Amino acid sequence: MKRLVRHLRRYFFTGLAVILPLALTLWILKLLFQKIDQWFLQPLLPYLKNYLSPVGLNIMGRILIIILFIFLFSFIGFLVNFLFFRRLFSRFEKLLLRFPFVGKIYKTIKQISMAIVGEGKNIFTKVALVEYPQEGRFCIGFLTREAEEVLNKVAGEKLVAVFIPTTPNPTSGLLIYFPKENVKLLDLTVEEGMRLVISAGTAQVRSDD
């Protein structure tokens, strides 16, 4: 009974760690969607309704909102490249991280976002299956590069660096050097491998057909 409770508690908090950041992200996107619709689209409706049907207005509205989303995110990314705005954003981020609950969720969202779409994903070259932590047990890993020659000489064989991420937060983990011949490459993209790790193995990364 105690083991069952322990497993249920672990599964509950794992699910919570996955769902909360995603739910908050979706809520923020929904809020932005509503605000853009309220501030930009609604004022245009009186001018457009004479030229478009209700269905056309709905489609046009969604297209305009998507375009504004892209422009907004691109503009923010552009501003952060400047030192003043980068420091301003950094201070705001530090202030946000001081709040225990909100800060934890924000940090998780940022880590997952950077792992999936940020520059950090470019350090991984391939997705692999490695035998770890013991024989007969396998885990997902990401190849970073081939080992330095000094390491190969000490090991007496060709090594490759593999990052073993934790679930559901793939920004932490272990860097382990494996013999190159023991690393099994998978026919998955880095993004698909990340989704598999973040979802604790529940995501379907490839369709059956």
C-alpha atoms as a PDB file:
ATOM      1  CA  MET A   1       0.000   0.000   0.000  1.00  0.00           C
ATOM      2  CA  LYS A   2       2.794   2.401   0.882  1.00  0.00           C
ATOM      3  CA  ARG A   3       4.511   1.622  -2.413  1.00  0.00           C
ATOM      4  CA  LEU A   4       1.278   2.355  -4.302  1.00  0.00           C
ATOM      5  CA  VAL A   5       0.874   5.693  -2.516  1.00  0.00           C
ATOM      6  CA  ARG A   6       4.515   6.551  -3.205  1.00  0.00           C
ATOM      7  CA  HIS A   7       4.124   5.760  -6.915  1.00  0.00           C
ATOM      8  CA  LEU A   8       0.873   7.711  -7.146  1.00  0.00           C
ATOM      9  CA  ARG A   9       2.469  10.705  -5.466  1.00  0.00           C
ATOM     10  CA  ARG A  10       5.445  10.582  -7.832  1.00  0.00           C
ATOM     11  CA  TYR A  11       3.192  10.268 -10.886  1.00  0.00           C
ATOM     12  CA  PHE A  12       0.983  13.089  -9.601  1.00  0.00           C
ATOM     13  CA  PHE A  13       3.847  15.549  -9.195  1.00  0.00           C
ATOM     14  CA  THR A  14       5.384  14.482 -12.526  1.00  0.00           C
ATOM     15  CA  GLY A  15       2.065  15.147 -14.236  1.00  0.00           C
ATOM     16  CA  LEU A  16       1.721  18.427 -12.378  1.00  0.00           C
ATOM     17  CA  ALA A  17       5.199  19.508 -13.483  1.00  0.00           C
ATOM     18  CA  VAL A  18       4.251  18.807 -17.103  1.00  0.00           C
ATOM     19  CA  ILE A  19       0.716  20.219 -17.106  1.00  0.00           C
ATOM     20  CA  LEU A  20       1.152  23.427 -15.074  1.00  0.00           C
ATOM     21  CA  PRO A  21       3.738  25.112 -17.338  1.00  0.00           C
ATOM     22  CA  LEU A  22       1.848  24.065 -20.473  1.00  0.00           C
ATOM     23  CA  ALA A  23      -1.490  25.208 -19.043  1.00  0.00           C
ATOM     24  CA  LEU A  24      -0.030  28.555 -17.999  1.00  0.00           C
ATOM     25  CA  THR A  25       1.549  29.011 -21.425  1.00  0.00           C
ATOM     26  CA  LEU A  26      -1.779  28.287 -23.141  1.00  0.00           C
ATOM     27  CA  TRP A  27      -3.554  30.659 -20.756  1.00  0.00           C
ATOM     28  CA  ILE A  28      -1.075  33.457 -21.522  1.00  0.00           C
ATOM     29  CA  LEU A  29      -1.427  32.854 -25.267  1.00  0.00           C
ATOM     30  CA  LYS A  30      -5.213  32.896 -24.937  1.00  0.00           C
ATOM     31  CA  LEU A  31      -5.034  36.163 -22.995  1.00  0.00           C
ATOM     32  CA  LEU A  32      -2.779  37.719 -25.641  1.00  0.00           C
ATOM     33  CA  PHE A  33      -5.105  36.420 -28.340  1.00  0.00           C
ATOM     34  CA  GLN A  34      -8.099  38.077 -26.664  1.00  0.00           C
ATOM     35  CA  LYS A  35      -6.262  41.365 -26.088  1.00  0.00           C
ATOM     36  CA  ILE A  36      -5.032  41.575 -29.675  1.00  0.00           C
ATOM     37  CA  ASP A  37      -8.556  40.848 -30.846  1.00  0.00           C
ATOM     38  CA  GLN A  38      -9.937  43.541 -28.524  1.00  0.00           C
ATOM     39  CA  TRP A  39      -7.361  46.232 -29.258  1.00  0.00           C
ATOM     40  CA  PHE A  40      -6.656  45.736 -32.953  1.00  0.00           C
ATOM     41  CA  LEU A  41      -9.285  43.582 -34.630  1.00  0.00           C
ATOM     42  CA  GLN A  42     -12.524  44.888 -33.125  1.00  0.00           C
ATOM     43  CA  PRO A  43     -11.859  48.529 -34.192  1.00  0.00           C
ATOM     44  CA  LEU A  44     -11.437  47.288 -37.780  1.00  0.00           C
ATOM     45  CA  LEU A  45     -14.658  45.280 -37.924  1.00  0.00           C
ATOM     46  CA  PRO A  46     -16.962  48.233 -38.765  1.00  0.00           C
ATOM     47  CA  TYR A  47     -14.832  48.937 -41.835  1.00  0.00           C
ATOM     48  CA  LEU A  48     -14.501  45.313 -42.949  1.00  0.00           C
ATOM     49  CA  LYS A  49     -18.028  43.974 -42.410  1.00  0.00           C
ATOM     50  CA  ASN A  50     -19.274  45.743 -45.552  1.00  0.00           C
ATOM     51  CA  TYR A  51     -16.778  43.827 -47.675  1.00  0.00           C
ATOM     52  CA  LEU A  52     -16.586  40.408 -45.996  1.00  0.00           C
ATOM     53  CA  SER A  53     -19.097  37.799 -44.878  1.00  0.00           C
ATOM     54  CA  PRO A  54     -19.163  36.691 -41.205  1.00  0.00           C
ATOM     55  CA  VAL A  55     -17.119  33.617 -42.129  1.00  0.00           C
ATOM     56  CA  GLY A  56     -14.673  35.766 -44.057  1.00  0.00           C
ATOM     57  CA  LEU A  57     -14.380  38.144 -41.110  1.00  0.00           C
ATOM     58  CA  ASN A  58     -13.625  35.245 -38.783  1.00  0.00           C
ATOM     59  CA  ILE A  59     -10.928  33.840 -41.083  1.00  0.00           C
ATOM     60  CA  MET A  60      -9.428  37.267 -41.712  1.00  0.00           C
ATOM     61  CA  GLY A  61      -9.424  37.971 -37.975  1.00  0.00           C
ATOM     62  CA  ARG A  62      -7.523  34.786 -37.180  1.00  0.00           C
ATOM     63  CA  ILE A  63      -4.973  35.505 -39.911  1.00  0.00           C
ATOM     64  CA  LEU A  64      -4.444  39.059 -38.652  1.00  0.00           C
ATOM     65  CA  ILE A  65      -4.012  37.848 -35.070  1.00  0.00           C
ATOM     66  CA  ILE A  66      -1.405  35.279 -36.146  1.00  0.00           C
ATOM     67  CA  ILE A  67       0.461  37.974 -38.094  1.00  0.00           C
ATOM     68  CA  LEU A  68       0.353  40.295 -35.079  1.00  0.00           C
ATOM     69  CA  PHE A  69       1.603  37.467 -32.844  1.00  0.00           C
ATOM     70  CA  ILE A  70       4.575  36.919 -35.146  1.00  0.00           C
ATOM     71  CA  PHE A  71       5.275  40.655 -35.294  1.00  0.00           C
ATOM     72  CA  LEU A  72       4.978  41.028 -31.500  1.00  0.00           C
ATOM     73  CA  PHE A  73       7.349  38.160 -30.689  1.00  0.00           C
ATOM     74  CA  SER A  74       9.804  39.252 -33.381  1.00  0.00           C
ATOM     75  CA  PHE A  75       9.743  42.834 -32.101  1.00  0.00           C
ATOM     76  CA  ILE A  76      10.403  41.697 -28.518  1.00  0.00           C
ATOM     77  CA  GLY A  77      13.250  39.497 -29.745  1.00  0.00           C
ATOM     78  CA  PHE A  78      14.644  42.470 -31.662  1.00  0.00           C
ATOM     79  CA  LEU A  79      14.514  44.740 -28.589  1.00  0.00           C
ATOM     80  CA  VAL A  80      16.246  42.186 -26.356  1.00  0.00           C
ATOM     81  CA  ASN A  81      19.286  42.372 -28.655  1.00  0.00           C
ATOM     82  CA  PHE A  82      19.909  45.895 -27.358  1.00  0.00           C
ATOM     83  CA  LEU A  83      21.825  46.176 -24.092  1.00  0.00           C
ATOM     84  CA  PHE A  84      19.321  48.524 -22.409  1.00  0.00           C
ATOM     85  CA  PHE A  85      16.304  46.310 -23.077  1.00  0.00           C
ATOM     86  CA  ARG A  86      18.290  43.170 -22.269  1.00  0.00           C
ATOM     87  CA  ARG A  87      19.168  44.571 -18.834  1.00  0.00           C
ATOM     88  CA  LEU A  88      15.597  45.767 -18.323  1.00  0.00           C
ATOM     89  CA  PHE A  89      14.235  42.330 -19.165  1.00  0.00           C
ATOM     90  CA  SER A  90      16.840  40.676 -16.940  1.00  0.00           C
ATOM     91  CA  ARG A  91      15.760  42.790 -13.963  1.00  0.00           C
ATOM     92  CA  PHE A  92      12.111  42.018 -14.600  1.00  0.00           C
ATOM     93  CA  GLU A  93      12.964  38.322 -14.853  1.00  0.00           C
ATOM     94  CA  LYS A  94      14.869  38.369 -11.545  1.00  0.00           C
ATOM     95  CA  LEU A  95      11.924  40.104  -9.886  1.00  0.00           C
ATOM     96  CA  LEU A  96       9.528  37.504 -11.267  1.00  0.00           C
ATOM     97  CA  LEU A  97      11.696  34.620 -10.070  1.00  0.00           C
ATOM     98  CA  ARG A  98      11.464  35.892  -6.482  1.00  0.00           C
ATOM     99  CA  PHE A  99       7.825  34.852  -6.299  1.00  0.00           C
ATOM    100  CA  PRO A 100       7.905  31.205  -5.153  1.00  0.00           C
ATOM    101  CA  PHE A 101       5.055  29.693  -7.182  1.00  0.00           C
ATOM    102  CA  VAL A 102       4.977  32.028 -10.191  1.00  0.00           C
ATOM    103  CA  GLY A 103       8.768  32.096 -10.432  1.00  0.00           C
ATOM    104  CA  LYS A 104       9.003  28.306 -10.495  1.00  0.00           C
ATOM    105  CA  ILE A 105       6.426  28.001 -13.256  1.00  0.00           C
ATOM    106  CA  TYR A 106       8.046  30.792 -15.280  1.00  0.00           C
ATOM    107  CA  LYS A 107      11.464  29.167 -14.947  1.00  0.00           C
ATOM    108  CA  THR A 108      10.107  25.806 -16.079  1.00  0.00           C
ATOM    109  CA  ILE A 109       8.329  27.351 -19.066  1.00  0.00           C
ATOM    110  CA  LYS A 110      11.467  29.211 -20.080  1.00  0.00           C
ATOM    111  CA  GLN A 111      13.663  26.119 -19.745  1.00  0.00           C
ATOM    112  CA  ILE A 112      11.308  23.965 -21.781  1.00  0.00           C
ATOM    113  CA  SER A 113      10.904  26.685 -24.423  1.00  0.00           C
ATOM    114  CA  MET A 114      14.657  27.116 -24.750  1.00  0.00           C
ATOM    115  CA  ALA A 115      15.110  23.367 -24.936  1.00  0.00           C
ATOM    116  CA  ILE A 116      12.594  23.058 -27.777  1.00  0.00           C
ATOM    117  CA  VAL A 117      12.917  26.243 -29.843  1.00  0.00           C
ATOM    118  CA  GLY A 118      15.823  28.153 -28.340  1.00  0.00           C
ATOM    119  CA  GLU A 119      19.422  28.309 -29.408  1.00  0.00           C
ATOM    120  CA  GLY A 120      20.281  25.591 -26.913  1.00  0.00           C
ATOM    121  CA  LYS A 121      18.807  22.882 -29.128  1.00  0.00           C
ATOM    122  CA  ASN A 122      21.495  23.533 -31.743  1.00  0.00           C
ATOM    123  CA  ILE A 123      24.144  21.930 -29.540  1.00  0.00           C
ATOM    124  CA  PHE A 124      22.475  18.556 -30.065  1.00  0.00           C
ATOM    125  CA  THR A 125      23.165  16.789 -33.339  1.00  0.00           C
ATOM    126  CA  LYS A 126      21.285  13.478 -33.105  1.00  0.00           C
ATOM    127  CA  VAL A 127      18.962  11.530 -30.835  1.00  0.00           C
ATOM    128  CA  ALA A 128      20.319   8.254 -29.509  1.00  0.00           C
ATOM    129  CA  LEU A 129      19.411   5.264 -27.376  1.00  0.00           C
ATOM    130  CA  VAL A 130      22.076   4.354 -24.854  1.00  0.00           C
ATOM    131  CA  GLU A 131      22.369   1.550 -22.322  1.00  0.00           C
ATOM    132  CA  TYR A 132      22.207   3.375 -19.005  1.00  0.00           C
ATOM    133  CA  PRO A 133      22.304   3.265 -15.960  1.00  0.00           C
ATOM    134  CA  GLN A 134      22.969  -0.476 -16.199  1.00  0.00           C
ATOM    135  CA  GLU A 135      23.007  -3.281 -18.732  1.00  0.00           C
ATOM    136  CA  GLY A 136      19.581  -4.008 -20.153  1.00  0.00           C
ATOM    137  CA  ARG A 137      18.206  -0.553 -19.284  1.00  0.00           C
ATOM    138  CA  PHE A 138      17.973   2.066 -22.023  1.00  0.00           C
ATOM    139  CA  CYS A 139      17.382   5.808 -22.045  1.00  0.00           C
ATOM    140  CA  ILE A 140      17.097   8.640 -24.535  1.00  0.00           C
ATOM    141  CA  GLY A 141      20.186  10.761 -25.058  1.00  0.00           C
ATOM    142  CA  PHE A 142      21.316  13.581 -27.332  1.00  0.00           C
ATOM    143  CA  LEU A 143      24.672  13.556 -29.081  1.00  0.00           C
ATOM    144  CA  THR A 144      26.606  16.765 -28.614  1.00  0.00           C
ATOM    145  CA  ARG A 145      29.947  15.998 -30.271  1.00  0.00           C
ATOM    146  CA  GLU A 146      32.750  13.484 -30.605  1.00  0.00           C
ATOM    147  CA  ALA A 147      35.095  13.343 -27.633  1.00  0.00           C
ATOM    148  CA  GLU A 148      38.427  15.157 -27.581  1.00  0.00           C
ATOM    149  CA  GLU A 149      41.404  13.063 -28.606  1.00  0.00           C
ATOM    150  CA  VAL A 150      42.874  13.253 -25.108  1.00  0.00           C
ATOM    151  CA  LEU A 151      39.782  11.442 -23.782  1.00  0.00           C
ATOM    152  CA  ASN A 152      39.907   8.846 -26.542  1.00  0.00           C
ATOM    153  CA  LYS A 153      43.524   8.054 -25.704  1.00  0.00           C
ATOM    154  CA  VAL A 154      42.775   7.502 -22.027  1.00  0.00           C
ATOM    155  CA  ALA A 155      39.723   5.346 -22.783  1.00  0.00           C
ATOM    156  CA  GLY A 156      41.521   3.430 -25.512  1.00  0.00           C
ATOM    157  CA  GLU A 157      38.581   3.761 -27.900  1.00  0.00           C
ATOM    158  CA  LYS A 158      36.515   6.302 -29.807  1.00  0.00           C
ATOM    159  CA  LEU A 159      34.067   8.135 -27.525  1.00  0.00           C
ATOM    160  CA  VAL A 160      31.099  10.404 -28.143  1.00  0.00           C
ATOM    161  CA  ALA A 161      29.539  12.897 -25.725  1.00  0.00           C
ATOM    162  CA  VAL A 162      25.887  12.155 -24.939  1.00  0.00           C
ATOM    163  CA  PHE A 163      23.617  14.358 -22.858  1.00  0.00           C
ATOM    164  CA  ILE A 164      21.126  12.344 -20.778  1.00  0.00           C
ATOM    165  CA  PRO A 165      18.222  14.678 -19.879  1.00  0.00           C
ATOM    166  CA  THR A 166      15.907  14.411 -16.896  1.00  0.00           C
ATOM    167  CA  THR A 167      12.126  14.133 -17.210  1.00  0.00           C
ATOM    168  CA  PRO A 168      10.060  16.296 -17.497  1.00  0.00           C
ATOM    169  CA  ASN A 169      12.646  19.103 -17.375  1.00  0.00           C
ATOM    170  CA  PRO A 170      15.210  18.352 -20.107  1.00  0.00           C
ATOM    171  CA  THR A 171      17.484  21.292 -19.298  1.00  0.00           C
ATOM    172  CA  SER A 172      19.123  19.342 -16.480  1.00  0.00           C
ATOM    173  CA  GLY A 173      20.801  15.975 -16.788  1.00  0.00           C
ATOM    174  CA  LEU A 174      24.125  14.200 -17.149  1.00  0.00           C
ATOM    175  CA  LEU A 175      26.930  14.401 -19.679  1.00  0.00           C
ATOM    176  CA  ILE A 176      28.300  10.900 -20.264  1.00  0.00           C
ATOM    177  CA  TYR A 177      30.939   9.691 -22.715  1.00  0.00           C
ATOM    178  CA  PHE A 178      29.997   6.403 -24.380  1.00  0.00           C
ATOM    179  CA  PRO A 179      31.983   4.228 -26.778  1.00  0.00           C
ATOM    180  CA  LYS A 180      30.807   5.251 -30.228  1.00  0.00           C
ATOM    181  CA  GLU A 181      29.907   1.695 -31.172  1.00  0.00           C
ATOM    182  CA  ASN A 182      27.565   1.417 -28.163  1.00  0.00           C
ATOM    183  CA  VAL A 183      25.446   4.408 -29.141  1.00  0.00           C
ATOM    184  CA  LYS A 184      22.360   3.517 -31.190  1.00  0.00           C
ATOM    185  CA  LEU A 185      21.154   6.436 -33.308  1.00  0.00           C
ATOM    186  CA  LEU A 186      17.390   6.907 -33.598  1.00  0.00           C
ATOM    187  CA  ASP A 187      15.444   8.083 -36.619  1.00  0.00           C
ATOM    188  CA  LEU A 188      14.091  11.062 -34.682  1.00  0.00           C
ATOM    189  CA  THR A 189      14.694  14.785 -34.883  1.00  0.00           C
ATOM    190  CA  VAL A 190      15.970  16.647 -31.820  1.00  0.00           C
ATOM    191  CA  GLU A 191      12.525  18.249 -31.423  1.00  0.00           C
ATOM    192  CA  GLU A 192      10.824  14.833 -31.468  1.00  0.00           C
ATOM    193  CA  GLY A 193      13.295  13.510 -28.923  1.00  0.00           C
ATOM    194  CA  MET A 194      12.637  16.510 -26.674  1.00  0.00           C
ATOM    195  CA  ARG A 195       8.880  15.969 -26.855  1.00  0.00           C
ATOM    196  CA  LEU A 196       9.408  12.347 -25.872  1.00  0.00           C
ATOM    197  CA  VAL A 197      11.457  13.372 -22.829  1.00  0.00           C
ATOM    198  CA  ILE A 198       9.168  16.214 -21.715  1.00  0.00           C
ATOM    199  CA  SER A 199       6.055  14.031 -21.964  1.00  0.00           C
ATOM    200  CA  ALA A 200       7.716  11.222 -19.957  1.00  0.00           C
ATOM    201  CA  GLY A 201       7.386   8.905 -22.936  1.00  0.00           C
ATOM    202  CA  THR A 202       3.678   9.519 -23.537  1.00  0.00           C
ATOM    203  CA  ALA A 203       3.991  11.667 -26.666  1.00  0.00           C
ATOM    204  CA  GLN A 204       3.571   9.996 -30.042  1.00  0.00           C
ATOM    205  CA  VAL A 205       6.442  11.414 -32.051  1.00  0.00           C
ATOM    206  CA  ARG A 206       5.698   9.507 -35.242  1.00  0.00           C
ATOM    207  CA  SER A 207       2.376   8.433 -36.724  1.00  0.00           C
ATOM    208  CA  ASP A 208       1.818   4.735 -37.287  1.00  0.00           C
ATOM    209  CA  ASP A 209       1.429   5.162 -41.027  1.00  0.00           C
END
